[in-house]
Amino acid sequence: TFGITGVEHTDEDGNDTGKEDLAYEFVPQVFTNAYVRAWKSLNDDTIPDEKKHVYLIIEEINRGNCAQIFGDLFQLLDRRKDGRSEYFIVPDAELRKYLTKQKLESNKLILPENLHILATMNTSDQSLFPMDSAFKRRWEMKYVKINYDIKDADFTFSINGTDYHWL
């Protein structure tokens, strides 16, 4: 994603001329932030191993066109036994520049083993964009039946010994 910023002009003495041009800059979004955090925490020896995991949660993944939303990232979902992506993709120039600034490998994207992508999906919903089988088979799916006895949604779940409360 790109954001628009103003670039101010200065004269040869460094004084602001009052002129301003618009510039487009790469602005990292949720996936890029999770990706960077996962790689940085994986390489940080001051963080204990159990705290290095990064979770990206996608709510109702079937509400959008997954092929269009994931694009080339689709290839990264195939994981080897060690948890890293089996294949890599080459990021565009803007993302490469950003990853370089973050002091990360910038010529190829590979999901690290500590980046976990969790998603929910309402199978009863008439989705505008059905998920194809090639996309679905890259996920481990677990059916959770609706419990009609629960009137108020109030859940606590545990990940690596830490409890999270979800209302």
N, C-alpha and C. Protein backbone atom coordinates (compact mmCIF):
# COMPACT_ATOMS: atom_id res chain seq x y z
N THR A 1 0.84 -1.17 0.00
CA THR A 1 0.00 0.00 0.00
C THR A 1 0.88 1.23 0.00
N PHE A 2 0.41 2.25 -0.66
CA PHE A 2 1.17 3.48 -0.74
C PHE A 2 0.42 4.60 -0.06
N GLY A 3 1.17 5.50 0.56
CA GLY A 3 0.60 6.70 1.16
C GLY A 3 1.18 7.90 0.45
N ILE A 4 0.45 9.00 0.50
CA ILE A 4 0.90 10.22 -0.15
C ILE A 4 1.52 11.12 0.92
N THR A 5 2.72 11.62 0.64
CA THR A 5 3.37 12.54 1.56
C THR A 5 3.81 13.76 0.78
N GLY A 6 4.02 14.83 1.48
CA GLY A 6 4.51 16.05 0.85
C GLY A 6 6.02 16.12 0.96
N VAL A 7 6.65 16.53 -0.12
CA VAL A 7 8.10 16.72 -0.13
C VAL A 7 8.35 18.21 -0.29
N GLU A 8 8.95 18.82 0.72
CA GLU A 8 9.20 20.26 0.69
C GLU A 8 10.50 20.55 -0.06
N HIS A 9 10.52 21.69 -0.74
CA HIS A 9 11.72 22.11 -1.47
C HIS A 9 12.48 23.15 -0.66
N THR A 10 13.80 23.09 -0.76
CA THR A 10 14.65 24.09 -0.11
C THR A 10 15.58 24.69 -1.15
N ASP A 11 16.01 25.92 -0.86
CA ASP A 11 16.98 26.55 -1.77
C ASP A 11 18.39 26.08 -1.42
N GLU A 12 19.40 26.63 -2.10
CA GLU A 12 20.77 26.15 -1.87
C GLU A 12 21.28 26.45 -0.46
N ASP A 13 20.61 27.37 0.27
CA ASP A 13 20.99 27.66 1.66
C ASP A 13 20.24 26.80 2.67
N GLY A 14 19.35 25.92 2.17
CA GLY A 14 18.59 25.05 3.05
C GLY A 14 17.31 25.66 3.56
N ASN A 15 16.92 26.82 3.02
CA ASN A 15 15.68 27.48 3.45
C ASN A 15 14.49 26.92 2.69
N ASP A 16 13.37 26.79 3.39
CA ASP A 16 12.14 26.28 2.78
C ASP A 16 11.64 27.28 1.75
N THR A 17 11.38 26.81 0.54
CA THR A 17 10.89 27.68 -0.54
C THR A 17 9.37 27.81 -0.53
N GLY A 18 8.70 27.00 0.26
CA GLY A 18 7.24 27.04 0.30
C GLY A 18 6.61 26.15 -0.75
N LYS A 19 7.40 25.59 -1.64
CA LYS A 19 6.89 24.68 -2.66
C LYS A 19 6.87 23.26 -2.10
N GLU A 20 5.90 22.51 -2.56
CA GLU A 20 5.76 21.14 -2.07
C GLU A 20 5.28 20.24 -3.20
N ASP A 21 5.92 19.08 -3.36
CA ASP A 21 5.48 18.08 -4.32
C ASP A 21 4.90 16.91 -3.56
N LEU A 22 4.01 16.19 -4.23
CA LEU A 22 3.46 14.98 -3.63
C LEU A 22 4.34 13.80 -4.01
N ALA A 23 4.54 12.91 -3.05
CA ALA A 23 5.33 11.71 -3.30
C ALA A 23 4.55 10.51 -2.77
N TYR A 24 4.70 9.40 -3.44
CA TYR A 24 4.07 8.15 -3.01
C TYR A 24 5.11 7.32 -2.29
N GLU A 25 4.79 6.91 -1.07
CA GLU A 25 5.70 6.09 -0.28
C GLU A 25 5.03 4.77 0.07
N PHE A 26 5.84 3.72 0.16
CA PHE A 26 5.34 2.42 0.59
C PHE A 26 4.98 2.51 2.06
N VAL A 27 3.79 2.04 2.41
CA VAL A 27 3.33 2.01 3.80
C VAL A 27 3.04 0.56 4.15
N PRO A 28 3.82 -0.04 5.07
CA PRO A 28 3.58 -1.44 5.41
C PRO A 28 2.22 -1.62 6.07
N GLN A 29 1.56 -2.73 5.73
CA GLN A 29 0.26 -3.04 6.30
C GLN A 29 0.39 -4.29 7.17
N VAL A 30 -0.71 -4.89 7.52
CA VAL A 30 -0.75 -5.97 8.52
C VAL A 30 0.18 -7.13 8.16
N PHE A 31 0.08 -7.64 6.93
CA PHE A 31 0.93 -8.78 6.57
C PHE A 31 2.41 -8.41 6.64
N THR A 32 2.79 -7.29 6.06
CA THR A 32 4.20 -6.88 6.06
C THR A 32 4.70 -6.68 7.48
N ASN A 33 3.88 -6.07 8.33
CA ASN A 33 4.29 -5.88 9.73
C ASN A 33 4.49 -7.21 10.44
N ALA A 34 3.59 -8.16 10.22
CA ALA A 34 3.72 -9.49 10.84
C ALA A 34 4.96 -10.20 10.30
N TYR A 35 5.19 -10.11 9.00
CA TYR A 35 6.34 -10.74 8.35
C TYR A 35 7.65 -10.21 8.95
N VAL A 36 7.76 -8.89 9.03
CA VAL A 36 8.97 -8.26 9.58
C VAL A 36 9.16 -8.64 11.04
N ARG A 37 8.06 -8.58 11.81
CA ARG A 37 8.16 -8.93 13.23
C ARG A 37 8.59 -10.37 13.43
N ALA A 38 8.06 -11.28 12.60
CA ALA A 38 8.41 -12.69 12.73
C ALA A 38 9.90 -12.90 12.47
N TRP A 39 10.40 -12.34 11.37
CA TRP A 39 11.82 -12.53 11.05
C TRP A 39 12.73 -11.88 12.10
N LYS A 40 12.37 -10.67 12.55
CA LYS A 40 13.20 -10.00 13.54
C LYS A 40 13.20 -10.75 14.87
N SER A 41 12.04 -11.24 15.30
CA SER A 41 12.00 -11.96 16.58
C SER A 41 12.72 -13.30 16.47
N LEU A 42 12.64 -13.93 15.30
CA LEU A 42 13.32 -15.21 15.08
C LEU A 42 14.84 -15.05 15.22
N ASN A 43 15.34 -13.91 14.78
CA ASN A 43 16.79 -13.66 14.81
C ASN A 43 17.25 -12.92 16.05
N ASP A 44 16.36 -12.68 17.01
CA ASP A 44 16.70 -11.94 18.23
C ASP A 44 16.97 -12.92 19.37
N ASP A 45 18.22 -13.06 19.75
CA ASP A 45 18.60 -13.99 20.81
C ASP A 45 18.13 -13.57 22.20
N THR A 46 17.66 -12.33 22.34
CA THR A 46 17.20 -11.86 23.65
C THR A 46 15.75 -12.29 23.92
N ILE A 47 15.07 -12.79 22.89
CA ILE A 47 13.68 -13.24 23.05
C ILE A 47 13.68 -14.75 23.23
N PRO A 48 13.03 -15.25 24.29
CA PRO A 48 12.96 -16.71 24.47
C PRO A 48 12.16 -17.34 23.32
N ASP A 49 12.52 -18.56 22.96
CA ASP A 49 11.91 -19.25 21.82
C ASP A 49 10.38 -19.26 21.88
N GLU A 50 9.82 -19.48 23.06
CA GLU A 50 8.35 -19.57 23.16
C GLU A 50 7.66 -18.23 22.91
N LYS A 51 8.39 -17.13 22.93
CA LYS A 51 7.81 -15.79 22.71
C LYS A 51 8.07 -15.28 21.28
N LYS A 52 8.72 -16.06 20.45
CA LYS A 52 9.08 -15.62 19.10
C LYS A 52 7.97 -15.83 18.08
N HIS A 53 6.89 -16.47 18.46
CA HIS A 53 5.81 -16.77 17.52
C HIS A 53 4.98 -15.52 17.24
N VAL A 54 4.63 -15.35 15.97
CA VAL A 54 3.80 -14.22 15.52
C VAL A 54 2.56 -14.82 14.87
N TYR A 55 1.39 -14.32 15.27
CA TYR A 55 0.12 -14.83 14.77
C TYR A 55 -0.60 -13.74 13.98
N LEU A 56 -0.92 -14.06 12.75
CA LEU A 56 -1.72 -13.19 11.90
C LEU A 56 -3.10 -13.83 11.80
N ILE A 57 -4.11 -13.14 12.31
CA ILE A 57 -5.47 -13.70 12.35
C ILE A 57 -6.32 -13.00 11.30
N ILE A 58 -6.93 -13.79 10.44
CA ILE A 58 -7.80 -13.27 9.39
C ILE A 58 -9.22 -13.69 9.73
N GLU A 59 -10.08 -12.73 9.93
CA GLU A 59 -11.48 -12.99 10.27
C GLU A 59 -12.29 -13.16 8.98
N GLU A 60 -13.04 -14.24 8.89
CA GLU A 60 -13.91 -14.56 7.76
C GLU A 60 -13.18 -14.46 6.41
N ILE A 61 -12.21 -15.33 6.24
CA ILE A 61 -11.36 -15.33 5.06
C ILE A 61 -12.15 -15.51 3.76
N ASN A 62 -13.30 -16.14 3.84
CA ASN A 62 -14.09 -16.41 2.63
C ASN A 62 -14.95 -15.22 2.21
N ARG A 63 -14.82 -14.07 2.86
CA ARG A 63 -15.61 -12.90 2.48
C ARG A 63 -15.01 -12.14 1.30
N GLY A 64 -13.79 -12.48 0.91
CA GLY A 64 -13.14 -11.79 -0.21
C GLY A 64 -12.61 -12.78 -1.22
N ASN A 65 -12.15 -12.28 -2.32
CA ASN A 65 -11.56 -13.10 -3.37
C ASN A 65 -10.13 -13.45 -2.96
N CYS A 66 -9.95 -14.63 -2.40
CA CYS A 66 -8.65 -15.02 -1.84
C CYS A 66 -7.53 -14.98 -2.86
N ALA A 67 -7.80 -15.43 -4.09
CA ALA A 67 -6.76 -15.42 -5.12
C ALA A 67 -6.29 -14.00 -5.39
N GLN A 68 -7.21 -13.06 -5.39
CA GLN A 68 -6.85 -11.67 -5.65
C GLN A 68 -6.20 -11.03 -4.43
N ILE A 69 -6.71 -11.33 -3.25
CA ILE A 69 -6.17 -10.74 -2.03
C ILE A 69 -4.76 -11.25 -1.74
N PHE A 70 -4.56 -12.55 -1.84
CA PHE A 70 -3.25 -13.13 -1.53
C PHE A 70 -2.25 -12.93 -2.67
N GLY A 71 -2.73 -12.92 -3.90
CA GLY A 71 -1.83 -12.75 -5.04
C GLY A 71 -0.70 -13.74 -5.01
N ASP A 72 0.53 -13.25 -5.19
CA ASP A 72 1.71 -14.11 -5.19
C ASP A 72 1.98 -14.76 -3.84
N LEU A 73 1.47 -14.15 -2.75
CA LEU A 73 1.68 -14.72 -1.42
C LEU A 73 1.10 -16.12 -1.30
N PHE A 74 0.16 -16.45 -2.18
CA PHE A 74 -0.44 -17.78 -2.24
C PHE A 74 0.64 -18.86 -2.26
N GLN A 75 1.72 -18.62 -3.03
CA GLN A 75 2.81 -19.59 -3.14
C GLN A 75 3.51 -19.86 -1.83
N LEU A 76 3.50 -18.86 -0.95
CA LEU A 76 4.22 -18.99 0.32
C LEU A 76 3.52 -19.90 1.31
N LEU A 77 2.25 -20.21 1.05
CA LEU A 77 1.48 -21.01 1.99
C LEU A 77 1.89 -22.48 2.01
N ASP A 78 2.57 -22.95 0.97
CA ASP A 78 3.12 -24.31 0.99
C ASP A 78 4.33 -24.30 1.91
N ARG A 79 4.25 -25.09 2.97
CA ARG A 79 5.33 -25.08 3.97
C ARG A 79 6.06 -26.41 4.01
N ARG A 80 7.36 -26.33 4.26
CA ARG A 80 8.17 -27.53 4.45
C ARG A 80 7.94 -28.04 5.87
N LYS A 81 8.55 -29.17 6.19
CA LYS A 81 8.39 -29.75 7.53
C LYS A 81 8.93 -28.84 8.63
N ASP A 82 9.95 -28.02 8.31
CA ASP A 82 10.49 -27.11 9.32
C ASP A 82 9.63 -25.86 9.50
N GLY A 83 8.58 -25.70 8.69
CA GLY A 83 7.65 -24.58 8.85
C GLY A 83 7.89 -23.41 7.90
N ARG A 84 9.03 -23.39 7.24
CA ARG A 84 9.30 -22.30 6.29
C ARG A 84 8.62 -22.58 4.96
N SER A 85 8.42 -21.52 4.19
CA SER A 85 7.81 -21.68 2.87
C SER A 85 8.66 -22.60 2.01
N GLU A 86 7.99 -23.46 1.28
CA GLU A 86 8.70 -24.36 0.36
C GLU A 86 9.21 -23.59 -0.85
N TYR A 87 8.45 -22.59 -1.27
CA TYR A 87 8.82 -21.77 -2.43
C TYR A 87 8.97 -20.33 -1.98
N PHE A 88 9.62 -19.53 -2.78
CA PHE A 88 9.75 -18.11 -2.46
C PHE A 88 9.15 -17.29 -3.59
N ILE A 89 8.89 -16.03 -3.29
CA ILE A 89 8.47 -15.09 -4.32
C ILE A 89 9.40 -13.89 -4.28
N VAL A 90 9.50 -13.20 -5.39
CA VAL A 90 10.34 -12.01 -5.48
C VAL A 90 9.44 -10.80 -5.22
N PRO A 91 9.74 -10.02 -4.19
CA PRO A 91 8.89 -8.86 -3.89
C PRO A 91 9.11 -7.74 -4.90
N ASP A 92 8.14 -6.83 -4.98
CA ASP A 92 8.31 -5.69 -5.87
C ASP A 92 9.35 -4.74 -5.30
N ALA A 93 9.75 -3.77 -6.10
CA ALA A 93 10.86 -2.88 -5.74
C ALA A 93 10.62 -2.12 -4.44
N GLU A 94 9.39 -1.65 -4.22
CA GLU A 94 9.10 -0.86 -3.03
C GLU A 94 9.21 -1.71 -1.76
N LEU A 95 8.70 -2.93 -1.82
CA LEU A 95 8.80 -3.82 -0.68
C LEU A 95 10.25 -4.22 -0.43
N ARG A 96 11.02 -4.43 -1.50
CA ARG A 96 12.45 -4.74 -1.34
C ARG A 96 13.16 -3.61 -0.61
N LYS A 97 12.88 -2.36 -0.99
CA LYS A 97 13.51 -1.22 -0.32
C LYS A 97 13.14 -1.18 1.15
N TYR A 98 11.87 -1.45 1.45
CA TYR A 98 11.42 -1.43 2.84
C TYR A 98 12.11 -2.54 3.65
N LEU A 99 12.17 -3.75 3.09
CA LEU A 99 12.82 -4.86 3.79
C LEU A 99 14.30 -4.60 4.00
N THR A 100 14.93 -3.96 3.03
CA THR A 100 16.35 -3.60 3.17
C THR A 100 16.53 -2.63 4.34
N LYS A 101 15.64 -1.64 4.45
CA LYS A 101 15.70 -0.69 5.57
C LYS A 101 15.52 -1.40 6.90
N GLN A 102 14.73 -2.50 6.89
CA GLN A 102 14.50 -3.28 8.10
C GLN A 102 15.63 -4.28 8.37
N LYS A 103 16.64 -4.26 7.50
CA LYS A 103 17.80 -5.16 7.59
C LYS A 103 17.40 -6.64 7.47
N LEU A 104 16.48 -6.91 6.52
CA LEU A 104 16.02 -8.26 6.25
C LEU A 104 16.34 -8.63 4.81
N GLU A 105 16.37 -9.94 4.53
CA GLU A 105 16.52 -10.42 3.15
C GLU A 105 15.46 -9.75 2.30
N SER A 106 15.87 -9.15 1.19
CA SER A 106 14.90 -8.39 0.40
C SER A 106 14.71 -8.91 -1.02
N ASN A 107 15.50 -9.89 -1.44
CA ASN A 107 15.38 -10.38 -2.81
C ASN A 107 14.38 -11.51 -2.96
N LYS A 108 13.98 -12.10 -1.83
CA LYS A 108 12.97 -13.15 -1.90
C LYS A 108 12.20 -13.21 -0.59
N LEU A 109 10.91 -13.46 -0.69
CA LEU A 109 10.07 -13.62 0.49
C LEU A 109 9.89 -15.10 0.77
N ILE A 110 10.09 -15.47 2.02
CA ILE A 110 9.85 -16.83 2.51
C ILE A 110 9.21 -16.67 3.88
N LEU A 111 8.09 -17.33 4.11
CA LEU A 111 7.47 -17.26 5.43
C LEU A 111 8.34 -18.02 6.43
N PRO A 112 8.68 -17.37 7.54
CA PRO A 112 9.47 -18.08 8.56
C PRO A 112 8.59 -19.04 9.34
N GLU A 113 9.23 -19.97 10.02
CA GLU A 113 8.50 -21.00 10.76
C GLU A 113 7.72 -20.45 11.95
N ASN A 114 8.04 -19.27 12.41
CA ASN A 114 7.35 -18.71 13.58
C ASN A 114 6.20 -17.78 13.20
N LEU A 115 5.89 -17.65 11.91
CA LEU A 115 4.75 -16.85 11.47
C LEU A 115 3.58 -17.79 11.20
N HIS A 116 2.54 -17.66 12.01
CA HIS A 116 1.37 -18.52 11.91
C HIS A 116 0.19 -17.69 11.42
N ILE A 117 -0.49 -18.20 10.40
CA ILE A 117 -1.66 -17.51 9.87
C ILE A 117 -2.89 -18.32 10.23
N LEU A 118 -3.77 -17.73 11.03
CA LEU A 118 -5.00 -18.37 11.46
C LEU A 118 -6.15 -17.61 10.81
N ALA A 119 -7.18 -18.34 10.40
CA ALA A 119 -8.32 -17.68 9.76
C ALA A 119 -9.61 -18.34 10.19
N THR A 120 -10.66 -17.54 10.22
CA THR A 120 -12.00 -18.08 10.44
C THR A 120 -12.75 -18.04 9.12
N MET A 121 -13.76 -18.90 9.02
CA MET A 121 -14.55 -18.97 7.81
C MET A 121 -15.95 -19.43 8.19
N ASN A 122 -16.95 -18.73 7.72
CA ASN A 122 -18.33 -19.10 7.97
C ASN A 122 -18.79 -19.95 6.79
N THR A 123 -18.88 -21.25 6.99
CA THR A 123 -19.23 -22.15 5.89
C THR A 123 -20.71 -22.06 5.52
N SER A 124 -21.53 -21.45 6.37
CA SER A 124 -22.95 -21.32 6.07
C SER A 124 -23.25 -20.07 5.24
N ASP A 125 -22.29 -19.16 5.19
CA ASP A 125 -22.47 -17.91 4.48
C ASP A 125 -22.38 -18.12 2.98
N GLN A 126 -23.25 -17.48 2.23
CA GLN A 126 -23.19 -17.53 0.77
C GLN A 126 -22.11 -16.54 0.34
N SER A 127 -20.92 -17.03 0.14
CA SER A 127 -19.79 -16.16 -0.20
C SER A 127 -19.87 -15.71 -1.64
N LEU A 128 -19.52 -14.46 -1.87
CA LEU A 128 -19.46 -13.95 -3.24
C LEU A 128 -18.28 -14.55 -3.99
N PHE A 129 -17.25 -14.91 -3.26
CA PHE A 129 -16.02 -15.44 -3.86
C PHE A 129 -15.69 -16.79 -3.24
N PRO A 130 -16.19 -17.88 -3.79
CA PRO A 130 -15.86 -19.19 -3.22
C PRO A 130 -14.36 -19.46 -3.30
N MET A 131 -13.84 -20.14 -2.30
CA MET A 131 -12.42 -20.47 -2.26
C MET A 131 -12.19 -21.73 -3.08
N ASP A 132 -11.19 -21.69 -3.95
CA ASP A 132 -10.92 -22.88 -4.77
C ASP A 132 -10.17 -23.92 -3.94
N SER A 133 -10.21 -25.15 -4.41
CA SER A 133 -9.62 -26.25 -3.65
C SER A 133 -8.10 -26.13 -3.54
N ALA A 134 -7.44 -25.52 -4.51
CA ALA A 134 -5.99 -25.33 -4.44
C ALA A 134 -5.62 -24.42 -3.26
N PHE A 135 -6.46 -23.43 -3.00
CA PHE A 135 -6.22 -22.53 -1.88
C PHE A 135 -6.57 -23.24 -0.56
N LYS A 136 -7.71 -23.89 -0.51
CA LYS A 136 -8.17 -24.53 0.73
C LYS A 136 -7.24 -25.64 1.20
N ARG A 137 -6.62 -26.37 0.28
CA ARG A 137 -5.79 -27.50 0.71
C ARG A 137 -4.49 -27.05 1.37
N ARG A 138 -4.17 -25.79 1.31
CA ARG A 138 -2.96 -25.27 1.94
C ARG A 138 -3.19 -24.88 3.41
N TRP A 139 -4.39 -25.16 3.90
CA TRP A 139 -4.74 -24.84 5.27
C TRP A 139 -5.13 -26.12 6.01
N GLU A 140 -4.84 -26.14 7.28
CA GLU A 140 -5.35 -27.20 8.14
C GLU A 140 -6.68 -26.69 8.67
N MET A 141 -7.75 -27.40 8.35
CA MET A 141 -9.07 -26.90 8.71
C MET A 141 -9.65 -27.70 9.88
N LYS A 142 -10.35 -26.99 10.73
CA LYS A 142 -11.02 -27.61 11.87
C LYS A 142 -12.43 -27.05 11.92
N TYR A 143 -13.42 -27.93 11.85
CA TYR A 143 -14.81 -27.51 11.91
C TYR A 143 -15.20 -27.27 13.37
N VAL A 144 -15.78 -26.12 13.64
CA VAL A 144 -16.26 -25.80 14.97
C VAL A 144 -17.77 -25.59 14.86
N LYS A 145 -18.50 -26.51 15.48
CA LYS A 145 -19.96 -26.47 15.41
C LYS A 145 -20.50 -25.32 16.27
N ILE A 146 -21.55 -24.70 15.82
CA ILE A 146 -22.18 -23.63 16.58
C ILE A 146 -22.83 -24.23 17.82
N ASN A 147 -22.56 -23.62 18.94
CA ASN A 147 -23.17 -24.03 20.20
C ASN A 147 -24.28 -23.02 20.52
N TYR A 148 -25.51 -23.41 20.27
CA TYR A 148 -26.64 -22.50 20.46
C TYR A 148 -26.98 -22.26 21.92
N ASP A 149 -26.37 -23.02 22.81
CA ASP A 149 -26.61 -22.82 24.24
C ASP A 149 -25.87 -21.60 24.77
N ILE A 150 -24.83 -21.18 24.08
CA ILE A 150 -24.07 -20.01 24.50
C ILE A 150 -24.76 -18.77 23.94
N LYS A 151 -25.26 -17.94 24.82
CA LYS A 151 -25.99 -16.73 24.40
C LYS A 151 -25.05 -15.55 24.18
N ASP A 152 -24.04 -15.43 25.01
CA ASP A 152 -23.07 -14.35 24.87
C ASP A 152 -21.72 -14.95 24.50
N ALA A 153 -21.12 -14.44 23.45
CA ALA A 153 -19.80 -14.91 23.05
C ALA A 153 -18.78 -14.38 24.04
N ASP A 154 -18.11 -15.26 24.71
CA ASP A 154 -17.11 -14.88 25.70
C ASP A 154 -16.14 -16.06 25.82
N PHE A 155 -15.01 -15.98 25.11
CA PHE A 155 -14.11 -17.12 25.02
C PHE A 155 -12.72 -16.74 25.52
N THR A 156 -12.07 -17.71 26.10
CA THR A 156 -10.66 -17.59 26.43
C THR A 156 -9.95 -18.75 25.76
N PHE A 157 -8.87 -18.43 25.03
CA PHE A 157 -8.10 -19.49 24.40
C PHE A 157 -6.63 -19.28 24.76
N SER A 158 -5.87 -20.35 24.68
CA SER A 158 -4.48 -20.32 25.11
C SER A 158 -3.56 -20.63 23.94
N ILE A 159 -2.52 -19.82 23.79
CA ILE A 159 -1.49 -20.05 22.78
C ILE A 159 -0.15 -19.98 23.51
N ASN A 160 0.57 -21.08 23.47
CA ASN A 160 1.88 -21.18 24.12
C ASN A 160 1.83 -20.74 25.59
N GLY A 161 0.79 -21.16 26.28
CA GLY A 161 0.71 -20.88 27.71
C GLY A 161 0.18 -19.51 28.07
N THR A 162 -0.14 -18.68 27.10
CA THR A 162 -0.69 -17.35 27.36
C THR A 162 -2.17 -17.38 27.02
N ASP A 163 -3.02 -16.94 27.97
CA ASP A 163 -4.46 -16.91 27.74
C ASP A 163 -4.86 -15.60 27.09
N TYR A 164 -5.76 -15.69 26.09
CA TYR A 164 -6.29 -14.52 25.39
C TYR A 164 -7.81 -14.56 25.54
N HIS A 165 -8.38 -13.41 25.85
CA HIS A 165 -9.82 -13.30 26.06
C HIS A 165 -10.44 -12.69 24.80
N TRP A 166 -11.48 -13.31 24.29
CA TRP A 166 -12.14 -12.87 23.06
C TRP A 166 -13.62 -12.71 23.36
N LEU A 167 -14.11 -11.50 23.21
CA LEU A 167 -15.54 -11.24 23.44
C LEU A 167 -16.27 -11.25 22.13
